[in-house]
Amino acid sequence: MSQQQILKWSEFTRTQYAIYMLIGFVIWVSGVVLVRVIGETALSEGSNLLILLYVLSIPIGIVTMYITRLLCRLSMDEMLIPILVMLFTTLTLDGWAVGFTDLYGATNEMVRYAGGWLLWTFGTQIIITMLMVRPKANEA
């Protein structure tokens, strides 16, 4: 892909979009499993583990970006759209899960803390992506 293709949604195939959505789904399932495993221990008021989750979101986001880049066989400069598609997928599934299921916990407190952590994770991932994916200036 050329440098100009980085910001063009139409340059990716439907298969590529399906792969990015599948990766987003796998990431979402991993997050659900993590939330279920850590449960009320971390997702409650005053929990030190909750602070740790917030801090670890940043390096985990960076590692996830590099793994995804390798899986998709793209350069880092081409990762903006794939990361956004993955984030859109996970955010959509999270909205559904929080609104209509008890996947993130049986209590409102757990759901609130899980939702806050997930929003933080997505926000930091967008910032990380914007900092790491830096398209080169057009050389014309």
N, C-alpha and C. Protein backbone atom coordinates (compact mmCIF):
# COMPACT_ATOMS: atom_id res chain seq x y z
N MET A 1 0.83 -1.18 0.00
CA MET A 1 0.00 0.00 0.00
C MET A 1 0.87 1.24 0.00
N SER A 2 0.45 2.22 -0.76
CA SER A 2 1.20 3.47 -0.80
C SER A 2 0.85 4.31 0.42
N GLN A 3 1.60 5.36 0.61
CA GLN A 3 1.37 6.23 1.76
C GLN A 3 0.01 6.90 1.68
N GLN A 4 -0.48 7.18 0.48
CA GLN A 4 -1.78 7.83 0.33
C GLN A 4 -2.93 6.88 0.66
N GLN A 5 -2.71 5.59 0.60
CA GLN A 5 -3.77 4.62 0.85
C GLN A 5 -4.08 4.44 2.33
N ILE A 6 -3.23 4.94 3.18
CA ILE A 6 -3.39 4.71 4.61
C ILE A 6 -4.74 5.19 5.11
N LEU A 7 -5.21 6.31 4.64
CA LEU A 7 -6.44 6.88 5.16
C LEU A 7 -7.66 6.55 4.32
N LYS A 8 -7.53 5.70 3.32
CA LYS A 8 -8.65 5.36 2.45
C LYS A 8 -9.28 4.04 2.88
N TRP A 9 -10.50 4.12 3.35
CA TRP A 9 -11.23 2.93 3.77
C TRP A 9 -11.41 1.96 2.61
N SER A 10 -11.58 2.50 1.42
CA SER A 10 -11.90 1.66 0.26
C SER A 10 -10.73 0.83 -0.23
N GLU A 11 -9.55 1.09 0.25
CA GLU A 11 -8.37 0.36 -0.20
C GLU A 11 -8.25 -1.02 0.44
N PHE A 12 -9.03 -1.27 1.48
CA PHE A 12 -9.00 -2.58 2.14
C PHE A 12 -10.12 -3.44 1.57
N THR A 13 -9.88 -4.72 1.47
CA THR A 13 -10.89 -5.63 0.93
C THR A 13 -11.89 -6.03 2.02
N ARG A 14 -13.01 -6.58 1.60
CA ARG A 14 -14.00 -7.06 2.57
C ARG A 14 -13.41 -8.17 3.43
N THR A 15 -12.57 -8.98 2.84
CA THR A 15 -11.92 -10.04 3.61
C THR A 15 -11.03 -9.45 4.70
N GLN A 16 -10.29 -8.41 4.36
CA GLN A 16 -9.44 -7.77 5.37
C GLN A 16 -10.30 -7.20 6.50
N TYR A 17 -11.40 -6.52 6.14
CA TYR A 17 -12.29 -5.99 7.18
C TYR A 17 -12.84 -7.11 8.05
N ALA A 18 -13.20 -8.23 7.44
CA ALA A 18 -13.71 -9.37 8.21
C ALA A 18 -12.64 -9.89 9.17
N ILE A 19 -11.40 -9.92 8.72
CA ILE A 19 -10.30 -10.36 9.59
C ILE A 19 -10.12 -9.40 10.75
N TYR A 20 -10.16 -8.08 10.48
CA TYR A 20 -9.99 -7.10 11.55
C TYR A 20 -11.14 -7.20 12.56
N MET A 21 -12.35 -7.44 12.04
CA MET A 21 -13.50 -7.61 12.93
C MET A 21 -13.37 -8.89 13.75
N LEU A 22 -12.86 -9.95 13.14
CA LEU A 22 -12.65 -11.20 13.87
C LEU A 22 -11.61 -11.01 14.97
N ILE A 23 -10.54 -10.30 14.66
CA ILE A 23 -9.52 -10.01 15.68
C ILE A 23 -10.15 -9.18 16.81
N GLY A 24 -10.97 -8.19 16.44
CA GLY A 24 -11.68 -7.40 17.46
C GLY A 24 -12.57 -8.28 18.32
N PHE A 25 -13.26 -9.24 17.70
CA PHE A 25 -14.11 -10.16 18.44
C PHE A 25 -13.27 -11.00 19.42
N VAL A 26 -12.13 -11.50 18.97
CA VAL A 26 -11.25 -12.29 19.84
C VAL A 26 -10.75 -11.44 21.01
N ILE A 27 -10.40 -10.21 20.73
CA ILE A 27 -9.96 -9.31 21.80
C ILE A 27 -11.11 -9.08 22.78
N TRP A 28 -12.32 -8.89 22.26
CA TRP A 28 -13.49 -8.69 23.12
C TRP A 28 -13.73 -9.90 24.01
N VAL A 29 -13.71 -11.09 23.43
CA VAL A 29 -13.90 -12.32 24.21
C VAL A 29 -12.82 -12.43 25.29
N SER A 30 -11.59 -12.10 24.94
CA SER A 30 -10.49 -12.14 25.92
C SER A 30 -10.78 -11.18 27.07
N GLY A 31 -11.30 -9.99 26.75
CA GLY A 31 -11.65 -9.02 27.79
C GLY A 31 -12.77 -9.52 28.68
N VAL A 32 -13.78 -10.16 28.08
CA VAL A 32 -14.88 -10.72 28.87
C VAL A 32 -14.36 -11.79 29.82
N VAL A 33 -13.51 -12.66 29.31
CA VAL A 33 -12.93 -13.72 30.15
C VAL A 33 -12.13 -13.10 31.29
N LEU A 34 -11.32 -12.09 30.98
CA LEU A 34 -10.54 -11.42 32.02
C LEU A 34 -11.44 -10.82 33.08
N VAL A 35 -12.48 -10.12 32.65
CA VAL A 35 -13.41 -9.51 33.61
C VAL A 35 -14.06 -10.58 34.47
N ARG A 36 -14.44 -11.69 33.87
CA ARG A 36 -15.08 -12.76 34.64
C ARG A 36 -14.10 -13.40 35.63
N VAL A 37 -12.85 -13.53 35.23
CA VAL A 37 -11.85 -14.15 36.11
C VAL A 37 -11.51 -13.24 37.28
N ILE A 38 -11.28 -11.96 37.01
CA ILE A 38 -10.88 -11.06 38.10
C ILE A 38 -12.06 -10.65 38.95
N GLY A 39 -13.24 -10.61 38.35
CA GLY A 39 -14.49 -10.39 39.08
C GLY A 39 -14.45 -9.26 40.09
N GLU A 40 -15.15 -9.47 41.17
CA GLU A 40 -15.31 -8.45 42.20
C GLU A 40 -13.99 -8.13 42.90
N THR A 41 -13.01 -9.01 42.80
CA THR A 41 -11.72 -8.75 43.44
C THR A 41 -11.11 -7.45 42.92
N ALA A 42 -11.17 -7.24 41.61
CA ALA A 42 -10.58 -6.05 41.02
C ALA A 42 -11.60 -4.99 40.68
N LEU A 43 -12.81 -5.40 40.36
CA LEU A 43 -13.82 -4.46 39.87
C LEU A 43 -14.75 -4.02 41.00
N SER A 44 -14.13 -3.39 42.00
CA SER A 44 -14.90 -2.89 43.13
C SER A 44 -14.22 -1.65 43.69
N GLU A 45 -14.98 -0.91 44.47
CA GLU A 45 -14.48 0.34 45.02
C GLU A 45 -13.26 0.12 45.91
N GLY A 46 -12.23 0.93 45.69
CA GLY A 46 -11.03 0.87 46.51
C GLY A 46 -10.07 -0.25 46.17
N SER A 47 -10.31 -0.97 45.10
CA SER A 47 -9.44 -2.09 44.74
C SER A 47 -8.15 -1.59 44.11
N ASN A 48 -7.02 -2.06 44.67
CA ASN A 48 -5.72 -1.73 44.07
C ASN A 48 -5.54 -2.42 42.73
N LEU A 49 -6.20 -3.56 42.55
CA LEU A 49 -6.11 -4.27 41.28
C LEU A 49 -6.75 -3.47 40.14
N LEU A 50 -7.76 -2.68 40.46
CA LEU A 50 -8.40 -1.85 39.45
C LEU A 50 -7.41 -0.82 38.91
N ILE A 51 -6.66 -0.21 39.80
CA ILE A 51 -5.63 0.75 39.38
C ILE A 51 -4.59 0.04 38.52
N LEU A 52 -4.21 -1.16 38.91
CA LEU A 52 -3.25 -1.94 38.13
C LEU A 52 -3.80 -2.24 36.73
N LEU A 53 -5.08 -2.57 36.63
CA LEU A 53 -5.71 -2.81 35.33
C LEU A 53 -5.61 -1.58 34.44
N TYR A 54 -5.89 -0.42 35.01
CA TYR A 54 -5.79 0.82 34.23
C TYR A 54 -4.37 1.04 33.73
N VAL A 55 -3.39 0.82 34.59
CA VAL A 55 -1.99 1.04 34.21
C VAL A 55 -1.56 0.02 33.16
N LEU A 56 -1.91 -1.24 33.34
CA LEU A 56 -1.49 -2.30 32.42
C LEU A 56 -2.17 -2.20 31.05
N SER A 57 -3.26 -1.45 30.96
CA SER A 57 -3.96 -1.30 29.68
C SER A 57 -3.05 -0.71 28.61
N ILE A 58 -2.16 0.17 29.01
CA ILE A 58 -1.30 0.85 28.03
C ILE A 58 -0.28 -0.11 27.43
N PRO A 59 0.56 -0.79 28.22
CA PRO A 59 1.51 -1.71 27.58
C PRO A 59 0.83 -2.88 26.87
N ILE A 60 -0.30 -3.34 27.40
CA ILE A 60 -1.02 -4.42 26.74
C ILE A 60 -1.54 -3.94 25.39
N GLY A 61 -2.00 -2.69 25.31
CA GLY A 61 -2.44 -2.12 24.05
C GLY A 61 -1.33 -2.04 23.02
N ILE A 62 -0.14 -1.67 23.48
CA ILE A 62 1.01 -1.59 22.58
C ILE A 62 1.38 -2.98 22.06
N VAL A 63 1.45 -3.95 22.95
CA VAL A 63 1.78 -5.32 22.55
C VAL A 63 0.72 -5.86 21.59
N THR A 64 -0.54 -5.61 21.90
CA THR A 64 -1.63 -6.06 21.04
C THR A 64 -1.51 -5.46 19.64
N MET A 65 -1.12 -4.19 19.58
CA MET A 65 -0.96 -3.54 18.28
C MET A 65 0.15 -4.22 17.47
N TYR A 66 1.26 -4.53 18.11
CA TYR A 66 2.36 -5.19 17.39
C TYR A 66 1.98 -6.60 16.95
N ILE A 67 1.30 -7.34 17.80
CA ILE A 67 0.87 -8.69 17.42
C ILE A 67 -0.11 -8.62 16.25
N THR A 68 -1.05 -7.68 16.33
CA THR A 68 -2.01 -7.52 15.25
C THR A 68 -1.32 -7.13 13.95
N ARG A 69 -0.35 -6.26 14.03
CA ARG A 69 0.40 -5.85 12.85
C ARG A 69 1.06 -7.05 12.19
N LEU A 70 1.63 -7.92 13.00
CA LEU A 70 2.27 -9.12 12.46
C LEU A 70 1.24 -10.07 11.84
N LEU A 71 0.10 -10.25 12.52
CA LEU A 71 -0.95 -11.12 11.99
C LEU A 71 -1.50 -10.61 10.67
N CYS A 72 -1.65 -9.29 10.57
CA CYS A 72 -2.22 -8.69 9.37
C CYS A 72 -1.19 -8.45 8.28
N ARG A 73 0.07 -8.63 8.62
CA ARG A 73 1.17 -8.41 7.67
C ARG A 73 1.14 -7.01 7.07
N LEU A 74 1.02 -6.03 7.95
CA LEU A 74 1.00 -4.64 7.54
C LEU A 74 2.13 -3.89 8.21
N SER A 75 2.52 -2.78 7.63
CA SER A 75 3.49 -1.93 8.30
C SER A 75 2.76 -1.13 9.37
N MET A 76 3.49 -0.58 10.29
CA MET A 76 2.86 0.20 11.35
C MET A 76 2.13 1.40 10.76
N ASP A 77 2.64 1.96 9.67
CA ASP A 77 1.99 3.11 9.04
C ASP A 77 0.62 2.76 8.46
N GLU A 78 0.34 1.50 8.26
CA GLU A 78 -0.93 1.05 7.68
C GLU A 78 -1.94 0.57 8.73
N MET A 79 -1.63 0.74 9.99
CA MET A 79 -2.45 0.13 11.05
C MET A 79 -3.62 0.98 11.54
N LEU A 80 -3.74 2.22 11.12
CA LEU A 80 -4.80 3.07 11.66
C LEU A 80 -6.19 2.48 11.41
N ILE A 81 -6.51 2.18 10.18
CA ILE A 81 -7.85 1.67 9.87
C ILE A 81 -8.09 0.30 10.49
N PRO A 82 -7.14 -0.65 10.41
CA PRO A 82 -7.38 -1.94 11.09
C PRO A 82 -7.64 -1.79 12.59
N ILE A 83 -6.89 -0.94 13.27
CA ILE A 83 -7.09 -0.75 14.70
C ILE A 83 -8.46 -0.12 14.96
N LEU A 84 -8.84 0.86 14.14
CA LEU A 84 -10.15 1.48 14.32
C LEU A 84 -11.28 0.47 14.10
N VAL A 85 -11.15 -0.39 13.11
CA VAL A 85 -12.18 -1.41 12.86
C VAL A 85 -12.26 -2.36 14.06
N MET A 86 -11.11 -2.75 14.59
CA MET A 86 -11.11 -3.63 15.76
C MET A 86 -11.76 -2.94 16.97
N LEU A 87 -11.42 -1.66 17.17
CA LEU A 87 -12.01 -0.92 18.28
C LEU A 87 -13.51 -0.73 18.11
N PHE A 88 -13.95 -0.43 16.90
CA PHE A 88 -15.39 -0.30 16.64
C PHE A 88 -16.10 -1.61 16.96
N THR A 89 -15.49 -2.71 16.58
CA THR A 89 -16.08 -4.03 16.83
C THR A 89 -16.20 -4.28 18.33
N THR A 90 -15.11 -4.08 19.05
CA THR A 90 -15.13 -4.36 20.49
C THR A 90 -16.06 -3.40 21.23
N LEU A 91 -16.07 -2.13 20.84
CA LEU A 91 -16.96 -1.17 21.50
C LEU A 91 -18.43 -1.52 21.27
N THR A 92 -18.75 -1.94 20.07
CA THR A 92 -20.12 -2.33 19.76
C THR A 92 -20.54 -3.54 20.60
N LEU A 93 -19.66 -4.52 20.67
CA LEU A 93 -19.97 -5.71 21.47
C LEU A 93 -20.06 -5.37 22.96
N ASP A 94 -19.19 -4.47 23.43
CA ASP A 94 -19.27 -4.05 24.83
C ASP A 94 -20.57 -3.33 25.13
N GLY A 95 -20.99 -2.46 24.22
CA GLY A 95 -22.26 -1.76 24.42
C GLY A 95 -23.42 -2.74 24.52
N TRP A 96 -23.42 -3.72 23.66
CA TRP A 96 -24.45 -4.75 23.69
C TRP A 96 -24.38 -5.54 25.00
N ALA A 97 -23.16 -5.95 25.38
CA ALA A 97 -23.00 -6.78 26.57
C ALA A 97 -23.40 -6.03 27.85
N VAL A 98 -23.00 -4.77 27.96
CA VAL A 98 -23.34 -3.99 29.15
C VAL A 98 -24.84 -3.70 29.20
N GLY A 99 -25.41 -3.41 28.05
CA GLY A 99 -26.82 -3.04 28.02
C GLY A 99 -27.80 -4.18 28.15
N PHE A 100 -27.42 -5.37 27.68
CA PHE A 100 -28.41 -6.44 27.58
C PHE A 100 -28.03 -7.76 28.24
N THR A 101 -26.85 -7.83 28.84
CA THR A 101 -26.44 -9.10 29.47
C THR A 101 -25.82 -8.82 30.83
N ASP A 102 -25.46 -9.88 31.52
CA ASP A 102 -24.71 -9.74 32.77
C ASP A 102 -23.30 -10.31 32.61
N LEU A 103 -22.76 -10.23 31.39
CA LEU A 103 -21.42 -10.76 31.13
C LEU A 103 -20.35 -10.10 32.00
N TYR A 104 -20.52 -8.82 32.29
CA TYR A 104 -19.50 -8.10 33.05
C TYR A 104 -19.76 -8.08 34.54
N GLY A 105 -20.73 -8.81 34.97
CA GLY A 105 -20.97 -8.91 36.40
C GLY A 105 -22.44 -8.86 36.73
N ALA A 106 -22.75 -9.40 37.89
CA ALA A 106 -24.14 -9.48 38.32
C ALA A 106 -24.58 -8.22 39.04
N THR A 107 -23.63 -7.42 39.50
CA THR A 107 -23.99 -6.21 40.24
C THR A 107 -23.72 -4.97 39.39
N ASN A 108 -24.47 -3.93 39.67
CA ASN A 108 -24.26 -2.66 38.97
C ASN A 108 -22.86 -2.11 39.21
N GLU A 109 -22.33 -2.33 40.42
CA GLU A 109 -20.99 -1.83 40.74
C GLU A 109 -19.95 -2.49 39.84
N MET A 110 -20.02 -3.80 39.68
CA MET A 110 -19.06 -4.49 38.82
C MET A 110 -19.16 -4.02 37.38
N VAL A 111 -20.38 -3.89 36.89
CA VAL A 111 -20.59 -3.45 35.51
C VAL A 111 -20.05 -2.04 35.34
N ARG A 112 -20.29 -1.18 36.31
CA ARG A 112 -19.80 0.20 36.24
C ARG A 112 -18.27 0.25 36.19
N TYR A 113 -17.62 -0.49 37.06
CA TYR A 113 -16.16 -0.48 37.07
C TYR A 113 -15.59 -1.15 35.82
N ALA A 114 -16.20 -2.23 35.38
CA ALA A 114 -15.74 -2.89 34.15
C ALA A 114 -15.92 -1.96 32.96
N GLY A 115 -17.07 -1.30 32.88
CA GLY A 115 -17.32 -0.37 31.78
C GLY A 115 -16.34 0.79 31.78
N GLY A 116 -16.06 1.33 32.93
CA GLY A 116 -15.08 2.42 33.04
C GLY A 116 -13.70 1.98 32.59
N TRP A 117 -13.31 0.80 33.02
CA TRP A 117 -11.99 0.29 32.62
C TRP A 117 -11.94 0.03 31.12
N LEU A 118 -13.01 -0.53 30.57
CA LEU A 118 -13.03 -0.79 29.13
C LEU A 118 -12.97 0.51 28.33
N LEU A 119 -13.72 1.53 28.74
CA LEU A 119 -13.66 2.81 28.05
C LEU A 119 -12.26 3.42 28.13
N TRP A 120 -11.63 3.32 29.28
CA TRP A 120 -10.25 3.79 29.45
C TRP A 120 -9.33 3.05 28.48
N THR A 121 -9.49 1.73 28.42
CA THR A 121 -8.64 0.92 27.56
C THR A 121 -8.79 1.33 26.10
N PHE A 122 -10.03 1.53 25.65
CA PHE A 122 -10.26 1.92 24.26
C PHE A 122 -9.71 3.32 23.99
N GLY A 123 -9.92 4.22 24.93
CA GLY A 123 -9.40 5.59 24.75
C GLY A 123 -7.90 5.62 24.67
N THR A 124 -7.24 4.89 25.57
CA THR A 124 -5.78 4.87 25.52
C THR A 124 -5.28 4.18 24.25
N GLN A 125 -6.01 3.17 23.77
CA GLN A 125 -5.60 2.51 22.53
C GLN A 125 -5.69 3.46 21.35
N ILE A 126 -6.70 4.30 21.32
CA ILE A 126 -6.80 5.28 20.24
C ILE A 126 -5.63 6.26 20.32
N ILE A 127 -5.30 6.72 21.51
CA ILE A 127 -4.16 7.64 21.67
C ILE A 127 -2.86 6.95 21.25
N ILE A 128 -2.66 5.72 21.71
CA ILE A 128 -1.46 4.96 21.34
C ILE A 128 -1.38 4.81 19.82
N THR A 129 -2.50 4.49 19.21
CA THR A 129 -2.53 4.31 17.75
C THR A 129 -2.17 5.62 17.06
N MET A 130 -2.74 6.72 17.50
CA MET A 130 -2.44 8.00 16.87
C MET A 130 -0.97 8.38 17.04
N LEU A 131 -0.35 7.99 18.15
CA LEU A 131 1.06 8.29 18.36
C LEU A 131 1.99 7.37 17.58
N MET A 132 1.60 6.10 17.45
CA MET A 132 2.47 5.11 16.81
C MET A 132 2.29 5.04 15.30
N VAL A 133 1.09 5.31 14.82
CA VAL A 133 0.82 5.23 13.39
C VAL A 133 0.96 6.63 12.83
N ARG A 134 2.09 6.88 12.26
CA ARG A 134 2.38 8.22 11.76
C ARG A 134 2.69 8.13 10.28
N PRO A 135 1.70 8.36 9.45
CA PRO A 135 1.94 8.29 8.01
C PRO A 135 3.00 9.31 7.60
N LYS A 136 3.84 8.90 6.67
CA LYS A 136 4.87 9.79 6.17
C LYS A 136 4.23 10.84 5.26
N ALA A 137 4.84 12.01 5.22
CA ALA A 137 4.33 13.06 4.35
C ALA A 137 4.46 12.65 2.89
N ASN A 138 3.51 13.07 2.07
CA ASN A 138 3.57 12.75 0.65
C ASN A 138 4.82 13.37 0.03
N GLU A 139 5.47 12.57 -0.77
CA GLU A 139 6.69 13.03 -1.42
C GLU A 139 6.37 13.33 -2.89
N ALA A 140 5.81 14.47 -3.14
CA ALA A 140 5.45 14.81 -4.51
C ALA A 140 6.19 16.03 -4.99
